[in-house]
PDB file of N, CA and C in Angstrom:
ATOM      1  N   MET A   1     148.153 137.589 344.626  1.00  0.00           N
ATOM      2  CA  MET A   1     149.016 136.380 344.065  1.00  0.00           C
ATOM      3  C   MET A   1     149.093 136.612 342.518  1.00  0.00           C
ATOM      4  N   GLU A   2     150.226 136.539 342.081  1.00  0.00           N
ATOM      5  CA  GLU A   2     150.470 136.329 340.571  1.00  0.00           C
ATOM      6  C   GLU A   2     151.020 135.053 340.259  1.00  0.00           C
ATOM      7  N   VAL A   3     150.302 134.659 338.952  1.00  0.00           N
ATOM      8  CA  VAL A   3     150.509 133.056 338.771  1.00  0.00           C
ATOM      9  C   VAL A   3     150.972 133.169 337.448  1.00  0.00           C
ATOM     10  N   THR A   4     152.153 132.709 336.795  1.00  0.00           N
ATOM     11  CA  THR A   4     152.623 132.569 335.718  1.00  0.00           C
ATOM     12  C   THR A   4     152.428 131.352 334.896  1.00  0.00           C
ATOM     13  N   LEU A   5     151.593 131.127 333.997  1.00  0.00           N
ATOM     14  CA  LEU A   5     151.603 129.992 333.088  1.00  0.00           C
ATOM     15  C   LEU A   5     152.166 129.844 331.904  1.00  0.00           C
ATOM     16  N   ARG A   6     152.654 128.520 331.612  1.00  0.00           N
ATOM     17  CA  ARG A   6     153.153 128.247 330.249  1.00  0.00           C
ATOM     18  C   ARG A   6     151.966 127.481 329.455  1.00  0.00           C
ATOM     19  N   LEU A   7     151.949 127.917 328.355  1.00  0.00           N
ATOM     20  CA  LEU A   7     150.713 127.507 327.308  1.00  0.00           C
ATOM     21  C   LEU A   7     151.298 126.550 326.401  1.00  0.00           C
ATOM     22  N   GLU A   8     151.758 125.304 326.699  1.00  0.00           N
ATOM     23  CA  GLU A   8     152.411 124.519 325.861  1.00  0.00           C
ATOM     24  C   GLU A   8     151.561 124.225 324.426  1.00  0.00           C
ATOM     25  N   GLY A   9     152.084 124.108 323.356  1.00  0.00           N
ATOM     26  CA  GLY A   9     151.233 123.972 322.057  1.00  0.00           C
ATOM     27  C   GLY A   9     150.502 124.755 321.686  1.00  0.00           C
ATOM     28  N   ASN A  10     150.300 126.019 322.206  1.00  0.00           N
ATOM     29  CA  ASN A  10     149.635 126.937 321.829  1.00  0.00           C
ATOM     30  C   ASN A  10     149.978 127.982 320.728  1.00  0.00           C
ATOM     31  N   SER A  11     149.475 128.244 319.816  1.00  0.00           N
ATOM     32  CA  SER A  11     149.892 128.890 318.576  1.00  0.00           C
ATOM     33  C   SER A  11     149.376 130.415 318.315  1.00  0.00           C
ATOM     34  N   SER A  12     148.392 130.798 318.904  1.00  0.00           N
ATOM     35  CA  SER A  12     147.898 132.036 318.564  1.00  0.00           C
ATOM     36  C   SER A  12     147.155 132.848 319.806  1.00  0.00           C
ATOM     37  N   LEU A  13     147.027 133.833 319.809  1.00  0.00           N
ATOM     38  CA  LEU A  13     146.625 134.710 320.995  1.00  0.00           C
ATOM     39  C   LEU A  13     145.004 134.280 321.023  1.00  0.00           C
ATOM     40  N   LYS A  14     144.394 133.984 320.027  1.00  0.00           N
ATOM     41  CA  LYS A  14     142.992 133.656 320.355  1.00  0.00           C
ATOM     42  C   LYS A  14     142.834 132.253 321.236  1.00  0.00           C
ATOM     43  N   GLY A  15     143.710 131.253 320.939  1.00  0.00           N
ATOM     44  CA  GLY A  15     143.914 130.211 321.607  1.00  0.00           C
ATOM     45  C   GLY A  15     144.367 130.400 323.059  1.00  0.00           C
ATOM     46  N   LYS A  16     145.102 131.237 323.419  1.00  0.00           N
ATOM     47  CA  LYS A  16     145.630 131.862 324.683  1.00  0.00           C
ATOM     48  C   LYS A  16     144.496 132.428 325.410  1.00  0.00           C
ATOM     49  N   ARG A  17     143.606 133.432 324.706  1.00  0.00           N
ATOM     50  CA  ARG A  17     142.577 133.984 325.074  1.00  0.00           C
ATOM     51  C   ARG A  17     141.369 132.944 325.701  1.00  0.00           C
ATOM     52  N   LYS A  18     141.354 131.922 325.098  1.00  0.00           N
ATOM     53  CA  LYS A  18     140.385 130.751 325.337  1.00  0.00           C
ATOM     54  C   LYS A  18     140.615 130.238 326.761  1.00  0.00           C
ATOM     55  N   VAL A  19     142.310 129.993 326.740  1.00  0.00           N
ATOM     56  CA  VAL A  19     142.476 129.228 328.154  1.00  0.00           C
ATOM     57  C   VAL A  19     142.270 130.245 329.291  1.00  0.00           C
ATOM     58  N   VAL A  20     142.751 131.357 328.960  1.00  0.00           N
ATOM     59  CA  VAL A  20     142.873 132.328 329.874  1.00  0.00           C
ATOM     60  C   VAL A  20     141.508 132.425 330.429  1.00  0.00           C
ATOM     61  N   LYS A  21     140.513 132.921 329.621  1.00  0.00           N
ATOM     62  CA  LYS A  21     139.233 133.378 330.049  1.00  0.00           C
ATOM     63  C   LYS A  21     138.575 132.296 330.875  1.00  0.00           C
ATOM     64  N   SER A  22     138.813 131.040 330.381  1.00  0.00           N
ATOM     65  CA  SER A  22     138.113 129.611 331.283  1.00  0.00           C
ATOM     66  C   SER A  22     138.803 129.683 332.500  1.00  0.00           C
ATOM     67  N   ILE A  23     139.912 129.803 332.955  1.00  0.00           N
ATOM     68  CA  ILE A  23     140.683 129.985 334.091  1.00  0.00           C
ATOM     69  C   ILE A  23     140.289 130.850 334.961  1.00  0.00           C
ATOM     70  N   LEU A  24     140.164 132.289 334.579  1.00  0.00           N
ATOM     71  CA  LEU A  24     139.525 133.215 335.080  1.00  0.00           C
ATOM     72  C   LEU A  24     138.317 133.165 335.547  1.00  0.00           C
ATOM     73  N   GLY A  25     137.550 132.641 334.481  1.00  0.00           N
ATOM     74  CA  GLY A  25     136.095 132.708 335.193  1.00  0.00           C
ATOM     75  C   GLY A  25     135.620 131.422 335.830  1.00  0.00           C
ATOM     76  N   ARG A  26     136.441 130.622 335.902  1.00  0.00           N
ATOM     77  CA  ARG A  26     136.385 129.174 336.809  1.00  0.00           C
ATOM     78  C   ARG A  26     136.747 129.731 338.209  1.00  0.00           C
ATOM     79  N   VAL A  27     137.739 130.452 338.369  1.00  0.00           N
ATOM     80  CA  VAL A  27     138.353 130.754 339.534  1.00  0.00           C
ATOM     81  C   VAL A  27     137.469 131.971 340.361  1.00  0.00           C
ATOM     82  N   LYS A  28     136.877 132.835 339.436  1.00  0.00           N
ATOM     83  CA  LYS A  28     136.204 133.835 340.109  1.00  0.00           C
ATOM     84  C   LYS A  28     134.782 133.128 340.382  1.00  0.00           C
ATOM     85  N   ALA A  29     134.210 132.223 339.644  1.00  0.00           N
ATOM     86  CA  ALA A  29     132.857 131.576 340.161  1.00  0.00           C
ATOM     87  C   ALA A  29     133.232 130.887 341.353  1.00  0.00           C
ATOM     88  N   ARG A  30     134.373 130.094 341.534  1.00  0.00           N
ATOM     89  CA  ARG A  30     134.549 129.210 342.582  1.00  0.00           C
ATOM     90  C   ARG A  30     134.819 129.921 344.020  1.00  0.00           C
ATOM     91  N   PHE A  31     135.706 131.048 343.641  1.00  0.00           N
ATOM     92  CA  PHE A  31     136.548 131.381 344.906  1.00  0.00           C
ATOM     93  C   PHE A  31     135.929 132.973 345.146  1.00  0.00           C
ATOM     94  N   ASN A  32     135.232 133.498 344.476  1.00  0.00           N
ATOM     95  CA  ASN A  32     134.687 134.818 344.633  1.00  0.00           C
ATOM     96  C   ASN A  32     135.667 136.035 344.833  1.00  0.00           C
ATOM     97  N   VAL A  33     136.879 135.674 344.026  1.00  0.00           N
ATOM     98  CA  VAL A  33     137.763 136.838 344.084  1.00  0.00           C
ATOM     99  C   VAL A  33     138.065 137.688 342.769  1.00  0.00           C
ATOM    100  N   ALA A  34     138.967 138.662 342.942  1.00  0.00           N
ATOM    101  CA  ALA A  34     139.290 139.654 341.635  1.00  0.00           C
ATOM    102  C   ALA A  34     140.229 138.874 341.041  1.00  0.00           C
ATOM    103  N   ALA A  35     140.118 138.695 339.610  1.00  0.00           N
ATOM    104  CA  ALA A  35     141.296 138.011 338.667  1.00  0.00           C
ATOM    105  C   ALA A  35     141.159 138.471 337.461  1.00  0.00           C
ATOM    106  N   SER A  36     142.491 138.693 337.134  1.00  0.00           N
ATOM    107  CA  SER A  36     142.615 139.255 335.651  1.00  0.00           C
ATOM    108  C   SER A  36     144.170 138.905 334.949  1.00  0.00           C
ATOM    109  N   GLU A  37     143.894 138.858 333.726  1.00  0.00           N
ATOM    110  CA  GLU A  37     145.398 138.799 333.303  1.00  0.00           C
ATOM    111  C   GLU A  37     146.180 139.842 333.336  1.00  0.00           C
ATOM    112  N   VAL A  38     147.328 139.925 334.044  1.00  0.00           N
ATOM    113  CA  VAL A  38     148.039 141.101 334.334  1.00  0.00           C
ATOM    114  C   VAL A  38     149.389 141.419 333.711  1.00  0.00           C
ATOM    115  N   GLY A  39     149.897 140.422 332.862  1.00  0.00           N
ATOM    116  CA  GLY A  39     150.992 140.757 332.052  1.00  0.00           C
ATOM    117  C   GLY A  39     151.235 139.701 330.874  1.00  0.00           C
ATOM    118  N   GLU A  40     152.163 140.080 329.921  1.00  0.00           N
ATOM    119  CA  GLU A  40     152.478 139.148 328.832  1.00  0.00           C
ATOM    120  C   GLU A  40     151.194 138.924 327.940  1.00  0.00           C
ATOM    121  N   GLN A  41     150.367 140.059 327.672  1.00  0.00           N
ATOM    122  CA  GLN A  41     149.151 139.858 326.851  1.00  0.00           C
ATOM    123  C   GLN A  41     149.599 139.332 325.681  1.00  0.00           C
ATOM    124  N   ASP A  42     150.582 139.791 324.867  1.00  0.00           N
ATOM    125  CA  ASP A  42     150.810 139.517 323.505  1.00  0.00           C
ATOM    126  C   ASP A  42     151.753 138.404 323.458  1.00  0.00           C
ATOM    127  N   VAL A  43     151.972 137.831 324.326  1.00  0.00           N
ATOM    128  CA  VAL A  43     152.922 136.589 324.206  1.00  0.00           C
ATOM    129  C   VAL A  43     151.905 135.220 324.179  1.00  0.00           C
ATOM    130  N   TYR A  44     151.773 134.552 323.159  1.00  0.00           N
ATOM    131  CA  TYR A  44     150.924 133.581 323.176  1.00  0.00           C
ATOM    132  C   TYR A  44     151.274 132.141 323.944  1.00  0.00           C
ATOM    133  N   GLY A  45     152.340 131.964 324.299  1.00  0.00           N
ATOM    134  CA  GLY A  45     153.092 130.966 324.884  1.00  0.00           C
ATOM    135  C   GLY A  45     152.904 131.213 326.532  1.00  0.00           C
ATOM    136  N   LEU A  46     152.596 132.322 327.000  1.00  0.00           N
ATOM    137  CA  LEU A  46     152.893 132.576 328.517  1.00  0.00           C
ATOM    138  C   LEU A  46     151.496 133.551 328.878  1.00  0.00           C
ATOM    139  N   ALA A  47     151.190 133.272 329.951  1.00  0.00           N
ATOM    140  CA  ALA A  47     150.096 134.131 330.736  1.00  0.00           C
ATOM    141  C   ALA A  47     150.406 134.485 332.104  1.00  0.00           C
ATOM    142  N   ILE A  48     150.268 135.587 332.471  1.00  0.00           N
ATOM    143  CA  ILE A  48     150.349 136.108 333.925  1.00  0.00           C
ATOM    144  C   ILE A  48     149.286 136.572 334.447  1.00  0.00           C
ATOM    145  N   LEU A  49     148.440 135.762 335.326  1.00  0.00           N
ATOM    146  CA  LEU A  49     147.181 136.083 335.816  1.00  0.00           C
ATOM    147  C   LEU A  49     147.573 136.507 337.513  1.00  0.00           C
ATOM    148  N   GLY A  50     146.697 137.602 337.729  1.00  0.00           N
ATOM    149  CA  GLY A  50     146.614 138.244 339.093  1.00  0.00           C
ATOM    150  C   GLY A  50     145.410 137.932 339.900  1.00  0.00           C
ATOM    151  N   PHE A  51     145.318 137.754 341.158  1.00  0.00           N
ATOM    152  CA  PHE A  51     144.240 137.397 341.921  1.00  0.00           C
ATOM    153  C   PHE A  51     144.326 138.224 343.428  1.00  0.00           C
ATOM    154  N   ALA A  52     143.364 138.758 343.697  1.00  0.00           N
ATOM    155  CA  ALA A  52     143.443 139.687 344.639  1.00  0.00           C
ATOM    156  C   ALA A  52     141.919 139.251 345.601  1.00  0.00           C
ATOM    157  N   VAL A  53     142.247 139.012 346.878  1.00  0.00           N
ATOM    158  CA  VAL A  53     141.449 139.021 348.070  1.00  0.00           C
ATOM    159  C   VAL A  53     141.643 139.886 349.190  1.00  0.00           C
ATOM    160  N   CYS A  54     140.681 140.261 349.744  1.00  0.00           N
ATOM    161  CA  CYS A  54     140.760 141.107 351.129  1.00  0.00           C
ATOM    162  C   CYS A  54     139.973 140.663 352.268  1.00  0.00           C
ATOM    163  N   GLY A  55     140.404 140.832 353.382  1.00  0.00           N
ATOM    164  CA  GLY A  55     139.468 140.397 354.597  1.00  0.00           C
ATOM    165  C   GLY A  55     140.301 140.472 355.950  1.00  0.00           C
ATOM    166  N   PRO A  56     139.565 140.124 357.004  1.00  0.00           N
ATOM    167  CA  PRO A  56     140.357 140.617 358.218  1.00  0.00           C
ATOM    168  C   PRO A  56     141.237 139.596 358.614  1.00  0.00           C
ATOM    169  N   ASP A  57     141.429 138.244 358.093  1.00  0.00           N
ATOM    170  CA  ASP A  57     142.369 137.235 358.594  1.00  0.00           C
ATOM    171  C   ASP A  57     143.229 136.885 357.352  1.00  0.00           C
ATOM    172  N   GLY A  58     144.567 137.081 357.822  1.00  0.00           N
ATOM    173  CA  GLY A  58     145.457 136.792 356.858  1.00  0.00           C
ATOM    174  C   GLY A  58     145.666 135.356 356.554  1.00  0.00           C
ATOM    175  N   ARG A  59     145.474 134.577 357.634  1.00  0.00           N
ATOM    176  CA  ARG A  59     145.501 132.889 357.461  1.00  0.00           C
ATOM    177  C   ARG A  59     144.405 132.611 356.708  1.00  0.00           C
ATOM    178  N   VAL A  60     143.261 133.058 356.687  1.00  0.00           N
ATOM    179  CA  VAL A  60     141.989 132.747 355.928  1.00  0.00           C
ATOM    180  C   VAL A  60     142.485 132.960 354.618  1.00  0.00           C
ATOM    181  N   LEU A  61     142.948 134.095 354.184  1.00  0.00           N
ATOM    182  CA  LEU A  61     143.360 134.698 352.775  1.00  0.00           C
ATOM    183  C   LEU A  61     144.458 133.950 352.244  1.00  0.00           C
ATOM    184  N   ASN A  62     145.507 133.404 353.059  1.00  0.00           N
ATOM    185  CA  ASN A  62     146.413 132.652 352.666  1.00  0.00           C
ATOM    186  C   ASN A  62     146.025 131.408 351.854  1.00  0.00           C
ATOM    187  N   THR A  63     144.933 130.644 352.723  1.00  0.00           N
ATOM    188  CA  THR A  63     144.368 129.497 352.539  1.00  0.00           C
ATOM    189  C   THR A  63     143.547 129.672 351.117  1.00  0.00           C
ATOM    190  N   VAL A  64     142.842 130.799 350.951  1.00  0.00           N
ATOM    191  CA  VAL A  64     142.173 130.937 349.569  1.00  0.00           C
ATOM    192  C   VAL A  64     143.167 131.061 348.418  1.00  0.00           C
ATOM    193  N   LEU A  65     144.142 131.597 348.546  1.00  0.00           N
ATOM    194  CA  LEU A  65     145.232 131.939 347.615  1.00  0.00           C
ATOM    195  C   LEU A  65     145.767 130.421 347.317  1.00  0.00           C
ATOM    196  N   ASP A  66     146.077 129.628 348.280  1.00  0.00           N
ATOM    197  CA  ASP A  66     146.670 128.252 348.166  1.00  0.00           C
ATOM    198  C   ASP A  66     145.590 127.428 347.563  1.00  0.00           C
ATOM    199  N   ASN A  67     144.344 127.424 347.669  1.00  0.00           N
ATOM    200  CA  ASN A  67     143.481 126.922 347.331  1.00  0.00           C
ATOM    201  C   ASN A  67     143.053 127.174 345.550  1.00  0.00           C
ATOM    202  N   ILE A  68     143.242 128.650 345.456  1.00  0.00           N
ATOM    203  CA  ILE A  68     143.216 128.936 343.925  1.00  0.00           C
ATOM    204  C   ILE A  68     144.400 128.303 343.218  1.00  0.00           C
ATOM    205  N   LEU A  69     145.759 128.419 343.772  1.00  0.00           N
ATOM    206  CA  LEU A  69     146.816 127.719 343.209  1.00  0.00           C
ATOM    207  C   LEU A  69     146.656 126.178 342.852  1.00  0.00           C
ATOM    208  N   ASP A  70     145.962 125.676 343.838  1.00  0.00           N
ATOM    209  CA  ASP A  70     145.948 124.246 343.755  1.00  0.00           C
ATOM    210  C   ASP A  70     144.695 124.085 342.662  1.00  0.00           C
ATOM    211  N   PHE A  71     143.884 124.661 342.810  1.00  0.00           N
ATOM    212  CA  PHE A  71     142.514 124.377 341.508  1.00  0.00           C
ATOM    213  C   PHE A  71     143.361 124.865 340.044  1.00  0.00           C
ATOM    214  N   ILE A  72     143.901 125.536 339.996  1.00  0.00           N
ATOM    215  CA  ILE A  72     144.577 125.953 338.629  1.00  0.00           C
ATOM    216  C   ILE A  72     145.581 124.815 338.104  1.00  0.00           C
ATOM    217  N   GLU A  73     146.407 124.331 339.081  1.00  0.00           N
ATOM    218  CA  GLU A  73     147.436 123.326 338.809  1.00  0.00           C
ATOM    219  C   GLU A  73     146.437 121.986 338.357  1.00  0.00           C
ATOM    220  N   ALA A  74     145.227 121.758 338.946  1.00  0.00           N
ATOM    221  CA  ALA A  74     144.586 120.608 338.546  1.00  0.00           C
ATOM    222  C   ALA A  74     143.693 120.630 337.598  1.00  0.00           C
ATOM    223  N   ASN A  75     143.278 121.943 337.302  1.00  0.00           N
ATOM    224  CA  ASN A  75     142.195 122.187 336.390  1.00  0.00           C
ATOM    225  C   ASN A  75     142.646 122.829 335.107  1.00  0.00           C
ATOM    226  N   ALA A  76     143.803 123.442 334.952  1.00  0.00           N
ATOM    227  CA  ALA A  76     143.941 124.332 333.823  1.00  0.00           C
ATOM    228  C   ALA A  76     144.771 123.524 332.850  1.00  0.00           C
ATOM    229  N   ASP A  77     144.596 123.920 331.563  1.00  0.00           N
ATOM    230  CA  ASP A  77     145.054 123.534 330.187  1.00  0.00           C
ATOM    231  C   ASP A  77     146.614 124.242 330.310  1.00  0.00           C
ATOM    232  N   ALA A  78     147.262 124.273 331.144  1.00  0.00           N
ATOM    233  CA  ALA A  78     148.568 125.068 331.232  1.00  0.00           C
ATOM    234  C   ALA A  78     149.412 124.648 332.509  1.00  0.00           C
ATOM    235  N   GLU A  79     150.619 124.746 332.251  1.00  0.00           N
ATOM    236  CA  GLU A  79     151.538 124.462 333.196  1.00  0.00           C
ATOM    237  C   GLU A  79     151.840 125.570 334.289  1.00  0.00           C
ATOM    238  N   VAL A  80     151.748 125.414 335.667  1.00  0.00           N
ATOM    239  CA  VAL A  80     152.153 126.853 336.387  1.00  0.00           C
ATOM    240  C   VAL A  80     153.509 126.722 336.421  1.00  0.00           C
ATOM    241  N   ALA A  81     154.295 127.969 336.039  1.00  0.00           N
ATOM    242  CA  ALA A  81     155.756 127.992 335.784  1.00  0.00           C
ATOM    243  C   ALA A  81     156.172 128.620 337.310  1.00  0.00           C
ATOM    244  N   ASP A  82     155.210 129.538 337.748  1.00  0.00           N
ATOM    245  CA  ASP A  82     155.614 130.365 338.868  1.00  0.00           C
ATOM    246  C   ASP A  82     154.333 130.921 339.465  1.00  0.00           C
ATOM    247  N   SER A  83     154.625 130.900 340.878  1.00  0.00           N
ATOM    248  CA  SER A  83     153.560 131.811 341.750  1.00  0.00           C
ATOM    249  C   SER A  83     154.249 132.762 342.556  1.00  0.00           C
ATOM    250  N   GLN A  84     153.762 133.906 343.105  1.00  0.00           N
ATOM    251  CA  GLN A  84     154.372 134.620 343.965  1.00  0.00           C
ATOM    252  C   GLN A  84     152.921 135.230 344.640  1.00  0.00           C
ATOM    253  N   MET A  85     153.077 135.449 346.250  1.00  0.00           N
ATOM    254  CA  MET A  85     152.152 135.839 346.806  1.00  0.00           C
ATOM    255  C   MET A  85     152.490 137.158 347.581  1.00  0.00           C
ATOM    256  N   GLU A  86     151.860 138.067 347.720  1.00  0.00           N
ATOM    257  CA  GLU A  86     152.362 139.395 348.442  1.00  0.00           C
ATOM    258  C   GLU A  86     151.146 139.738 349.379  1.00  0.00           C
ATOM    259  N   PHE A  87     151.535 140.161 350.595  1.00  0.00           N
ATOM    260  CA  PHE A  87     150.135 140.335 351.461  1.00  0.00           C
ATOM    261  C   PHE A  87     150.551 142.072 351.928  1.00  0.00           C
ATOM    262  N   ASP A  88     149.513 142.722 351.735  1.00  0.00           N
ATOM    263  CA  ASP A  88     149.664 144.122 352.442  1.00  0.00           C
ATOM    264  C   ASP A  88     148.428 144.280 353.380  1.00  0.00           C
ATOM    265  N   PHE A  89     149.227 144.893 354.572  1.00  0.00           N
ATOM    266  CA  PHE A  89     148.369 145.193 355.880  1.00  0.00           C
ATOM    267  C   PHE A  89     148.133 146.346 356.045  1.00  0.00           C
ATOM    268  N   ILE A  90     146.815 146.661 356.231  1.00  0.00           N
ATOM    269  CA  ILE A  90     146.318 148.351 356.371  1.00  0.00           C
ATOM    270  C   ILE A  90     145.881 148.360 357.749  1.00  0.00           C
ATOM    271  N   PHE A  91     146.312 149.044 358.566  1.00  0.00           N
ATOM    272  CA  PHE A  91     145.633 149.524 359.885  1.00  0.00           C
ATOM    273  C   PHE A  91     145.261 150.568 359.869  1.00  0.00           C
ATOM    274  N   ASN A  92     143.836 150.933 360.483  1.00  0.00           N
ATOM    275  CA  ASN A  92     143.293 152.266 360.737  1.00  0.00           C
ATOM    276  C   ASN A  92     143.841 152.976 362.141  1.00  0.00           C
TER     277      ASN A  92
END
């Protein structure tokens, strides 16, 4: 999943880094997922975060990603501007 955040009132990369690190750390700890800033690293008013989960049940994974998005919307010092989910299925 990719989540685009607007960081209103932020005027520095240091301020952005503080918000992004807080969100990523709390999401990783709460949901045990891979998480990183994946785009717009040099733009202090915008952050694009990526989250990855894997497992055998797509419905469970979709629920986890929905819960992450809800958590960010409720707890972040930023506005969710956009989100996109993508699922890749690998069969052996």
